[in-house]
Amino acid sequence: MFLLYLGVYIKILNIMARQIKPTPVLKGEDAVNFIYKIEQRKKASKEEHMKWLLYCNILMMIPLFSGCDSSENNNDTGTYRIYKEYLVDAYLEVEKMYVRQLNATTLELYFSGKKYGITSENASEVAKFKELAVKHNDDFSDYITVDFGYTVGNYVSYAENFTGIEIRSSISWGEGHSAGSTLNDLCYFTAYSFAPTLKDHAKGGLTHIRKHADELTAADMELLQDGFLRLDFSDENSRLSEAQVITISLSTLSGRVLRADLKIGE
């Protein structure tokens, strides 16, 4: 497509660059013939101009029609295809975990720490990113479908994988869930993972994970996307509207345990 536009542009430049020959001094019949030829050329040039306008309009419409059917750019689904050397753009080295309540049934986990990304202007940070990419076997080097809102740097995971989670409360949540006991069987762990795409080179970049917290495996918690870790309770069993302290414990591959408390109510 670029070469086509380039060819048209060069042709237009050539036409514009043609030298205009000086009008000769003519008399009598020669002058009449010359004027006749000029009029004929004016008519021909007007027709040629219209042809050029039509041709340029067709060229402008080609990308619109080709874009609708292209597998590289799908406006219907709001996605497009790009080549990525690394699937993950950045890694967060977690220092601390926090928990907040989103609504009557949902909690969200979020983290602070040092981020190492491929887009960093700091050479040592880029080197650390590449080191972490090797650690997570991220040598993706393939095409992938992403949302139109995606920019390089959006795909952020964690420097160290998680292996398990525990949710507890300072109050009783009913039969079989006394104060201080685990609520894992009542809670759905919801997240997005890069791991399946990295292993199988699937079309999309992220895989949705939704399981009861007591059914999670270490594989489910590999290469999770930062910013999308949630704990969901059903309307029937949730007691997040009651005064209590929720304690979340998240274990990592190295054996480190991150903890966060959320005080609800008085």
Protein backbone atom coordinates (compact mmCIF):
# COMPACT_ATOMS: atom_id res chain seq x y z
CA MET A 1 0.00 0.00 0.00
CA PHE A 2 2.84 2.39 0.86
CA LEU A 3 4.56 1.69 -2.47
CA LEU A 4 1.30 2.42 -4.31
CA TYR A 5 0.94 5.82 -2.65
CA LEU A 6 4.63 6.54 -3.26
CA GLY A 7 4.24 5.79 -6.96
CA VAL A 8 1.27 8.14 -7.27
CA TYR A 9 3.12 10.87 -5.40
CA ILE A 10 6.17 10.58 -7.69
CA LYS A 11 3.97 10.68 -10.80
CA ILE A 12 2.27 13.87 -9.58
CA LEU A 13 5.66 15.45 -8.89
CA ASN A 14 6.82 14.58 -12.42
CA ILE A 15 3.74 16.23 -13.92
CA MET A 16 4.26 19.33 -11.82
CA ALA A 17 7.93 19.46 -12.80
CA ARG A 18 7.30 19.57 -16.55
CA GLN A 19 8.76 22.70 -18.09
CA ILE A 20 6.35 25.13 -19.74
CA LYS A 21 7.58 25.95 -23.23
CA PRO A 22 7.57 29.63 -24.24
CA THR A 23 4.73 30.67 -26.56
CA PRO A 24 6.11 31.37 -30.10
CA VAL A 25 5.28 34.57 -32.01
CA LEU A 26 2.56 33.56 -34.47
CA LYS A 27 0.56 35.41 -37.10
CA GLY A 28 -2.37 34.74 -39.42
CA GLU A 29 -3.41 31.13 -39.94
CA ASP A 30 -0.66 29.84 -37.66
CA ALA A 31 -2.07 31.92 -34.80
CA VAL A 32 -5.59 30.56 -35.42
CA ASN A 33 -4.33 26.96 -35.46
CA PHE A 34 -2.34 27.55 -32.30
CA ILE A 35 -5.37 28.93 -30.45
CA TYR A 36 -7.44 25.95 -31.63
CA LYS A 37 -4.83 23.51 -30.24
CA ILE A 38 -4.75 25.38 -26.93
CA GLU A 39 -8.52 25.07 -26.59
CA GLN A 40 -8.36 21.36 -27.36
CA ARG A 41 -5.64 20.88 -24.74
CA LYS A 42 -7.66 22.78 -22.17
CA LYS A 43 -10.57 20.44 -22.76
CA ALA A 44 -8.30 17.37 -22.58
CA SER A 45 -6.53 18.61 -19.44
CA LYS A 46 -9.89 19.19 -17.75
CA GLU A 47 -10.91 15.59 -18.49
CA GLU A 48 -7.51 14.34 -17.31
CA HIS A 49 -7.88 16.36 -14.12
CA MET A 50 -11.23 14.73 -13.40
CA LYS A 51 -9.71 11.30 -13.99
CA TRP A 52 -6.95 12.12 -11.50
CA LEU A 53 -9.48 13.21 -8.90
CA LEU A 54 -11.43 9.98 -9.34
CA TYR A 55 -8.22 7.92 -9.16
CA CYS A 56 -7.09 9.65 -5.95
CA ASN A 57 -10.50 9.16 -4.35
CA ILE A 58 -10.38 5.45 -5.13
CA LEU A 59 -6.93 5.22 -3.55
CA MET A 60 -8.21 6.92 -0.41
CA MET A 61 -11.07 4.43 -0.14
CA ILE A 62 -8.91 1.31 -0.49
CA PRO A 63 -7.66 1.30 3.14
CA LEU A 64 -11.22 1.66 4.41
CA PHE A 65 -12.47 -1.39 2.52
CA SER A 66 -9.34 -3.49 3.10
CA GLY A 67 -9.37 -2.69 6.83
CA CYS A 68 -12.83 -4.19 7.26
CA ASP A 69 -11.77 -7.64 6.10
CA SER A 70 -8.19 -7.64 7.34
CA SER A 71 -7.24 -10.15 10.02
CA GLU A 72 -4.57 -7.69 11.12
CA ASN A 73 -7.03 -4.95 12.05
CA ASN A 74 -10.54 -5.87 13.21
CA ASN A 75 -12.76 -2.87 13.96
CA ASP A 76 -15.70 -5.15 14.85
CA THR A 77 -13.93 -6.63 17.87
CA GLY A 78 -11.75 -3.62 18.69
CA THR A 79 -8.50 -5.57 18.25
CA TYR A 80 -5.43 -5.64 16.05
CA ARG A 81 -2.37 -7.85 15.53
CA ILE A 82 1.16 -6.85 16.47
CA TYR A 83 4.53 -8.56 16.72
CA LYS A 84 5.99 -8.84 20.22
CA GLU A 85 9.51 -9.95 21.04
CA TYR A 86 8.50 -10.25 24.69
CA LEU A 87 4.94 -11.05 25.72
CA VAL A 88 5.22 -9.23 29.06
CA ASP A 89 6.29 -5.57 28.84
CA ALA A 90 7.28 -5.03 32.47
CA TYR A 91 7.68 -6.79 35.82
CA LEU A 92 6.75 -5.45 39.25
CA GLU A 93 9.08 -6.47 42.05
CA VAL A 94 6.51 -6.54 44.86
CA GLU A 95 7.48 -4.91 48.15
CA LYS A 96 4.06 -4.63 49.81
CA MET A 97 0.51 -5.88 49.29
CA TYR A 98 -2.73 -3.98 50.02
CA VAL A 99 -6.40 -4.91 49.98
CA ARG A 100 -9.48 -2.72 49.44
CA GLN A 101 -13.20 -3.32 49.24
CA LEU A 102 -14.84 -2.57 45.88
CA ASN A 103 -18.44 -3.41 46.81
CA ALA A 104 -20.55 -5.68 49.05
CA THR A 105 -19.10 -8.86 47.52
CA THR A 106 -15.67 -8.00 46.08
CA LEU A 107 -12.18 -7.30 47.41
CA GLU A 108 -9.21 -6.22 45.30
CA LEU A 109 -5.51 -6.84 45.87
CA TYR A 110 -2.91 -4.31 44.73
CA PHE A 111 0.81 -3.90 45.22
CA SER A 112 3.67 -1.43 45.46
CA GLY A 113 7.26 -1.98 44.42
CA LYS A 114 9.89 -1.38 41.76
CA LYS A 115 8.86 -1.83 38.11
CA TYR A 116 11.29 -2.95 35.40
CA GLY A 117 10.11 -2.44 31.83
CA ILE A 118 11.31 -2.78 28.27
CA THR A 119 10.40 0.87 27.62
CA SER A 120 12.50 2.25 30.49
CA GLU A 121 15.08 4.91 29.62
CA ASN A 122 17.35 3.48 32.33
CA ALA A 123 19.71 0.90 30.84
CA SER A 124 20.10 -0.99 34.12
CA GLU A 125 16.29 -1.31 34.45
CA VAL A 126 16.03 -2.66 30.91
CA ALA A 127 18.81 -5.14 31.73
CA LYS A 128 16.88 -6.23 34.84
CA PHE A 129 13.72 -6.60 32.72
CA LYS A 130 15.55 -8.88 30.28
CA GLU A 131 16.92 -10.89 33.19
CA LEU A 132 13.38 -11.41 34.49
CA ALA A 133 12.16 -12.28 30.99
CA VAL A 134 14.74 -15.08 30.86
CA LYS A 135 13.67 -16.21 34.33
CA HIS A 136 10.06 -16.52 33.13
CA ASN A 137 11.08 -18.08 29.79
CA ASP A 138 9.62 -15.15 27.87
CA ASP A 139 11.12 -15.41 24.39
CA PHE A 140 7.69 -15.01 22.77
CA SER A 141 8.76 -13.56 19.36
CA ASP A 142 5.37 -13.94 17.71
CA TYR A 143 2.26 -12.08 16.58
CA ILE A 144 -0.54 -11.53 19.06
CA THR A 145 -4.03 -9.99 19.10
CA VAL A 146 -4.35 -6.98 21.43
CA ASP A 147 -7.02 -4.38 22.19
CA PHE A 148 -6.92 -1.03 20.39
CA GLY A 149 -6.21 0.60 23.75
CA TYR A 150 -2.98 -1.39 24.16
CA THR A 151 0.39 0.37 24.12
CA VAL A 152 3.81 -1.13 24.80
CA GLY A 153 4.19 -1.11 28.55
CA ASN A 154 0.61 -2.13 29.39
CA TYR A 155 1.35 -5.82 29.89
CA VAL A 156 2.73 -5.89 33.46
CA SER A 157 3.26 -9.03 35.53
CA TYR A 158 5.09 -9.83 38.76
CA ALA A 159 8.81 -10.49 39.12
CA GLU A 160 8.03 -13.49 41.32
CA ASN A 161 5.13 -15.88 40.82
CA PHE A 162 2.57 -16.48 43.55
CA THR A 163 1.77 -20.00 44.71
CA GLY A 164 -1.18 -19.74 47.07
CA ILE A 165 -3.59 -17.49 48.97
CA GLU A 166 -5.54 -17.56 52.25
CA ILE A 167 -8.50 -15.38 53.22
CA ARG A 168 -9.56 -15.14 56.88
CA SER A 169 -11.91 -12.99 58.94
CA SER A 170 -12.04 -11.90 62.58
CA ILE A 171 -15.75 -12.86 62.74
CA SER A 172 -17.75 -15.99 62.00
CA TRP A 173 -19.07 -16.36 58.46
CA GLY A 174 -21.56 -19.05 59.37
CA GLU A 175 -21.44 -22.77 59.91
CA GLY A 176 -18.02 -24.25 59.22
CA HIS A 177 -16.43 -20.80 59.05
CA SER A 178 -15.70 -19.71 62.59
CA ALA A 179 -13.72 -16.57 63.35
CA GLY A 180 -10.13 -16.94 62.14
CA SER A 181 -10.84 -19.92 59.87
CA THR A 182 -10.20 -19.88 56.15
CA LEU A 183 -12.82 -18.50 53.77
CA ASN A 184 -11.13 -19.93 50.67
CA ASP A 185 -14.03 -22.25 49.82
CA LEU A 186 -16.45 -19.28 49.82
CA CYS A 187 -14.28 -17.03 47.67
CA TYR A 188 -13.55 -16.95 43.95
CA PHE A 189 -10.05 -15.83 42.98
CA THR A 190 -10.27 -13.84 39.74
CA ALA A 191 -7.27 -12.75 37.65
CA TYR A 192 -5.70 -12.72 34.20
CA SER A 193 -2.62 -14.73 33.30
CA PHE A 194 0.02 -14.46 30.56
CA ALA A 195 1.29 -18.00 31.18
CA PRO A 196 -1.00 -20.00 28.81
CA THR A 197 -0.23 -17.66 25.89
CA LEU A 198 3.49 -17.79 26.57
CA LYS A 199 3.44 -21.58 26.67
CA ASP A 200 1.06 -22.27 23.77
CA HIS A 201 1.37 -19.07 21.67
CA ALA A 202 -2.41 -18.63 21.78
CA LYS A 203 -4.03 -15.88 19.73
CA GLY A 204 -4.94 -13.60 22.66
CA GLY A 205 -2.53 -12.22 25.22
CA LEU A 206 -4.39 -12.99 28.43
CA THR A 207 -6.28 -15.94 29.90
CA HIS A 208 -9.07 -15.36 32.42
CA ILE A 209 -8.62 -17.26 35.69
CA ARG A 210 -11.63 -17.75 37.97
CA LYS A 211 -11.53 -20.50 40.61
CA HIS A 212 -12.44 -21.06 44.22
CA ALA A 213 -9.40 -20.02 46.22
CA ASP A 214 -9.12 -23.49 47.74
CA GLU A 215 -8.90 -25.05 44.25
CA LEU A 216 -6.04 -22.91 42.94
CA THR A 217 -2.82 -24.51 41.79
CA ALA A 218 0.59 -22.91 41.43
CA ALA A 219 0.13 -23.05 37.64
CA ASP A 220 -3.03 -20.92 37.94
CA MET A 221 -1.01 -18.18 39.63
CA GLU A 222 1.88 -17.93 37.19
CA LEU A 223 2.54 -14.63 35.39
CA LEU A 224 -0.60 -12.90 36.58
CA GLN A 225 -1.40 -9.45 35.22
CA ASP A 226 -0.79 -6.65 37.69
CA GLY A 227 -3.84 -4.64 38.70
CA PHE A 228 -6.53 -7.29 38.17
CA LEU A 229 -6.48 -9.56 41.23
CA ARG A 230 -9.90 -9.81 42.86
CA LEU A 231 -11.65 -11.93 45.48
CA ASP A 232 -15.37 -12.43 44.84
CA PHE A 233 -18.00 -13.72 47.24
CA SER A 234 -21.57 -14.54 46.28
CA ASP A 235 -24.49 -12.42 47.45
CA GLU A 236 -25.70 -15.36 49.55
CA ASN A 237 -22.53 -15.98 51.56
CA SER A 238 -20.88 -12.53 51.67
CA ARG A 239 -20.61 -10.82 55.05
CA LEU A 240 -18.41 -7.97 53.90
CA SER A 241 -21.05 -5.50 55.08
CA GLU A 242 -20.41 -6.49 58.73
CA ALA A 243 -17.74 -4.98 60.99
CA GLN A 244 -14.61 -7.18 60.93
CA VAL A 245 -10.96 -7.42 59.92
CA ILE A 246 -10.17 -9.37 56.75
CA THR A 247 -6.65 -10.79 56.55
CA ILE A 248 -5.15 -11.87 53.22
CA SER A 249 -1.98 -13.96 52.99
CA LEU A 250 -0.31 -14.47 49.62
CA SER A 251 2.63 -16.85 49.29
CA THR A 252 5.36 -16.59 46.64
CA LEU A 253 7.56 -19.12 44.88
CA SER A 254 10.53 -18.26 47.09
CA GLY A 255 8.51 -18.92 50.27
CA ARG A 256 7.88 -15.29 51.10
CA VAL A 257 4.42 -14.50 52.50
CA LEU A 258 2.76 -11.14 51.84
CA ARG A 259 0.05 -10.06 54.26
CA ALA A 260 -2.56 -7.32 54.22
CA ASP A 261 -5.41 -6.43 56.60
CA LEU A 262 -8.65 -4.65 55.78
CA LYS A 263 -10.72 -3.19 58.59
CA ILE A 264 -14.41 -3.00 57.72
CA GLY A 265 -16.86 -0.98 59.79
CA GLU A 266 -16.34 0.12 63.38
